C-alpha atoms as a PDB file:
ATOM      1  CA  MET A   1    -199.149 -16.505  65.218  1.00  0.00           C
ATOM      2  CA  ALA A   2    -198.758 -13.513  62.884  1.00  0.00           C
ATOM      3  CA  SER A   3    -197.862 -16.024  60.024  1.00  0.00           C
ATOM      4  CA  LEU A   4    -200.950 -18.137  60.634  1.00  0.00           C
ATOM      5  CA  ARG A   5    -203.010 -14.782  60.615  1.00  0.00           C
ATOM      6  CA  GLU A   6    -201.536 -13.926  57.310  1.00  0.00           C
ATOM      7  CA  ALA A   7    -202.369 -17.472  55.816  1.00  0.00           C
ATOM      8  CA  LYS A   8    -205.834 -16.847  56.955  1.00  0.00           C
ATOM      9  CA  TYR A   9    -205.951 -19.683  59.380  1.00  0.00           C
ATOM     10  CA  VAL A  10    -206.544 -17.542  62.614  1.00  0.00           C
ATOM     11  CA  GLU A  11    -207.669 -14.147  63.526  1.00  0.00           C
ATOM     12  CA  SER A  12    -206.819 -12.177  66.660  1.00  0.00           C
ATOM     13  CA  GLY A  13    -209.185 -10.098  68.748  1.00  0.00           C
ATOM     14  CA  ARG A  14    -208.504  -7.425  71.275  1.00  0.00           C
ATOM     15  CA  GLY A  15    -209.956  -6.849  74.701  1.00  0.00           C
ATOM     16  CA  PRO A  16    -211.982  -8.951  77.102  1.00  0.00           C
ATOM     17  CA  GLY A  17    -212.931 -12.128  75.112  1.00  0.00           C
ATOM     18  CA  GLY A  18    -210.042 -11.508  72.567  1.00  0.00           C
ATOM     19  CA  GLY A  19    -207.078 -13.867  71.700  1.00  0.00           C
ATOM     20  CA  TRP A  20    -206.546 -16.035  68.804  1.00  0.00           C
ATOM     21  CA  THR A  21    -209.461 -17.823  66.958  1.00  0.00           C
ATOM     22  CA  LEU A  22    -209.365 -20.527  64.254  1.00  0.00           C
ATOM     23  CA  VAL A  23    -211.150 -19.248  61.005  1.00  0.00           C
ATOM     24  CA  CYS A  24    -210.327 -22.010  58.755  1.00  0.00           C
ATOM     25  CA  ASP A  25    -211.862 -25.239  57.800  1.00  0.00           C
ATOM     26  CA  LEU A  26    -210.175 -27.872  59.608  1.00  0.00           C
ATOM     27  CA  SER A  27    -211.233 -30.456  57.058  1.00  0.00           C
ATOM     28  CA  GLU A  28    -209.394 -28.369  54.421  1.00  0.00           C
ATOM     29  CA  VAL A  29    -206.080 -27.623  56.061  1.00  0.00           C
ATOM     30  CA  THR A  30    -203.353 -29.951  56.212  1.00  0.00           C
ATOM     31  CA  VAL A  31    -200.555 -30.217  58.970  1.00  0.00           C
ATOM     32  CA  LYS A  32    -198.151 -29.263  56.094  1.00  0.00           C
ATOM     33  CA  ASP A  33    -200.093 -26.004  55.467  1.00  0.00           C
ATOM     34  CA  ILE A  34    -199.579 -25.085  58.983  1.00  0.00           C
ATOM     35  CA  TYR A  35    -195.818 -26.176  58.867  1.00  0.00           C
ATOM     36  CA  VAL A  36    -195.211 -24.074  55.583  1.00  0.00           C
ATOM     37  CA  ALA A  37    -197.381 -21.064  57.030  1.00  0.00           C
ATOM     38  CA  LEU A  38    -194.901 -21.030  60.034  1.00  0.00           C
ATOM     39  CA  ALA A  39    -192.167 -20.003  57.746  1.00  0.00           C
ATOM     40  CA  TYR A  40    -190.808 -23.441  56.747  1.00  0.00           C
ATOM     41  CA  LYS A  41    -187.216 -23.231  55.924  1.00  0.00           C
ATOM     42  CA  GLY A  42    -185.847 -26.652  56.104  1.00  0.00           C
ATOM     43  CA  LEU A  43    -186.916 -29.681  58.418  1.00  0.00           C
ATOM     44  CA  PHE A  44    -183.306 -30.415  59.660  1.00  0.00           C
ATOM     45  CA  THR A  45    -181.162 -27.933  61.463  1.00  0.00           C
ATOM     46  CA  TRP A  46    -178.116 -29.977  60.721  1.00  0.00           C
ATOM     47  CA  GLY A  47    -176.634 -31.267  57.432  1.00  0.00           C
ATOM     48  CA  PRO A  48    -173.736 -31.011  55.300  1.00  0.00           C
ATOM     49  CA  ALA A  49    -170.631 -29.235  56.651  1.00  0.00           C
ATOM     50  CA  GLU A  50    -168.831 -26.432  54.692  1.00  0.00           C
ATOM     51  CA  ASP A  51    -165.566 -26.577  56.801  1.00  0.00           C
ATOM     52  CA  ASN A  52    -163.322 -27.837  53.947  1.00  0.00           C
ATOM     53  CA  PRO A  53    -164.806 -28.165  50.514  1.00  0.00           C
ATOM     54  CA  GLN A  54    -161.729 -29.649  49.155  1.00  0.00           C
ATOM     55  CA  CYS A  55    -161.607 -32.434  51.343  1.00  0.00           C
ATOM     56  CA  PRO A  56    -162.782 -35.666  49.545  1.00  0.00           C
ATOM     57  CA  VAL A  57    -164.205 -37.244  52.870  1.00  0.00           C
ATOM     58  CA  GLU A  58    -166.318 -34.253  53.396  1.00  0.00           C
ATOM     59  CA  SER A  59    -167.552 -34.257  49.851  1.00  0.00           C
ATOM     60  CA  VAL A  60    -168.844 -37.699  49.890  1.00  0.00           C
ATOM     61  CA  VAL A  61    -170.486 -37.328  53.292  1.00  0.00           C
ATOM     62  CA  ASN A  62    -171.991 -34.258  52.319  1.00  0.00           C
ATOM     63  CA  ALA A  63    -173.501 -35.855  49.199  1.00  0.00           C
ATOM     64  CA  TYR A  64    -174.763 -38.643  51.145  1.00  0.00           C
ATOM     65  CA  LEU A  65    -176.344 -36.504  53.756  1.00  0.00           C
ATOM     66  CA  GLU A  66    -178.086 -34.155  51.288  1.00  0.00           C
ATOM     67  CA  LYS A  67    -179.595 -37.328  49.599  1.00  0.00           C
ATOM     68  CA  THR A  68    -180.692 -39.019  52.790  1.00  0.00           C
ATOM     69  CA  LEU A  69    -182.044 -35.833  54.467  1.00  0.00           C
ATOM     70  CA  GLY A  70    -183.716 -34.801  51.247  1.00  0.00           C
ATOM     71  CA  SER A  71    -185.366 -38.194  51.165  1.00  0.00           C
ATOM     72  CA  ALA A  72    -186.625 -38.114  54.659  1.00  0.00           C
ATOM     73  CA  GLU A  73    -187.734 -34.468  54.404  1.00  0.00           C
ATOM     74  CA  ASN A  74    -189.925 -35.355  51.214  1.00  0.00           C
ATOM     75  CA  ALA A  75    -191.292 -38.426  53.046  1.00  0.00           C
ATOM     76  CA  LEU A  76    -192.435 -36.341  56.093  1.00  0.00           C
ATOM     77  CA  LEU A  77    -193.834 -33.404  53.837  1.00  0.00           C
ATOM     78  CA  THR A  78    -195.805 -36.186  51.993  1.00  0.00           C
ATOM     79  CA  ILE A  79    -197.319 -37.645  55.229  1.00  0.00           C
ATOM     80  CA  ILE A  80    -198.237 -34.366  56.752  1.00  0.00           C
ATOM     81  CA  GLY A  81    -199.581 -33.045  53.505  1.00  0.00           C
ATOM     82  CA  ASN A  82    -202.029 -35.931  53.644  1.00  0.00           C
ATOM     83  CA  THR A  83    -203.119 -35.436  57.242  1.00  0.00           C
ATOM     84  CA  LYS A  84    -206.005 -32.999  57.624  1.00  0.00           C
ATOM     85  CA  LEU A  85    -206.292 -30.924  61.035  1.00  0.00           C
ATOM     86  CA  SER A  86    -209.782 -32.369  61.330  1.00  0.00           C
ATOM     87  CA  GLU A  87    -208.185 -35.788  61.632  1.00  0.00           C
ATOM     88  CA  LEU A  88    -206.025 -34.756  64.600  1.00  0.00           C
ATOM     89  CA  VAL A  89    -209.035 -33.135  66.259  1.00  0.00           C
ATOM     90  CA  GLN A  90    -210.989 -36.397  66.054  1.00  0.00           C
ATOM     91  CA  LYS A  91    -208.161 -38.067  67.769  1.00  0.00           C
ATOM     92  CA  ILE A  92    -208.453 -35.606  70.535  1.00  0.00           C
ATOM     93  CA  VAL A  93    -212.140 -35.629  70.970  1.00  0.00           C
ATOM     94  CA  GLY A  94    -212.615 -39.340  70.342  1.00  0.00           C
ATOM     95  CA  PRO A  95    -214.075 -41.257  67.378  1.00  0.00           C
ATOM     96  CA  GLY A  96    -217.829 -40.554  66.763  1.00  0.00           C
ATOM     97  CA  THR A  97    -217.641 -37.172  68.413  1.00  0.00           C
ATOM     98  CA  LYS A  98    -218.546 -34.159  66.380  1.00  0.00           C
ATOM     99  CA  SER A  99    -215.662 -31.950  65.886  1.00  0.00           C
ATOM    100  CA  PRO A 100    -216.101 -28.365  67.036  1.00  0.00           C
ATOM    101  CA  SER A 101    -217.316 -26.161  64.472  1.00  0.00           C
ATOM    102  CA  LEU A 102    -216.796 -22.560  63.920  1.00  0.00           C
ATOM    103  CA  PRO A 103    -219.582 -20.046  63.668  1.00  0.00           C
ATOM    104  CA  ALA A 104    -220.539 -19.473  59.926  1.00  0.00           C
ATOM    105  CA  SER A 105    -219.273 -15.902  59.959  1.00  0.00           C
ATOM    106  CA  LYS A 106    -215.964 -17.271  60.869  1.00  0.00           C
ATOM    107  CA  LYS A 107    -215.480 -20.065  58.388  1.00  0.00           C
ATOM    108  CA  GLN A 108    -213.246 -19.131  55.518  1.00  0.00           C
ATOM    109  CA  THR A 109    -211.382 -21.207  53.079  1.00  0.00           C
ATOM    110  CA  LYS A 110    -207.982 -20.224  51.604  1.00  0.00           C
END
């Protein structure tokens, strides 16, 4: 949550009534923004092997994996970069329902 606070998407409060509060405009923040704020390092936890760099089979398989996983990652980042958090909220609360809004004093933009 600290990384979301540093990105100015949430604030934390202490004591009774404390906790985490959204402070961003959900219609301005994408799923990708949150993904990146949460210390994005790479989508896939597996990939090319480094066991025997001299092996021609490993070399060909690694090249294939790098290309394929890179394409998949780019496609996903494009999709989540075009999805606003407000769109997800509408799917939760239902179409035509007004999204929860933040008090004017809490609204911030990046």
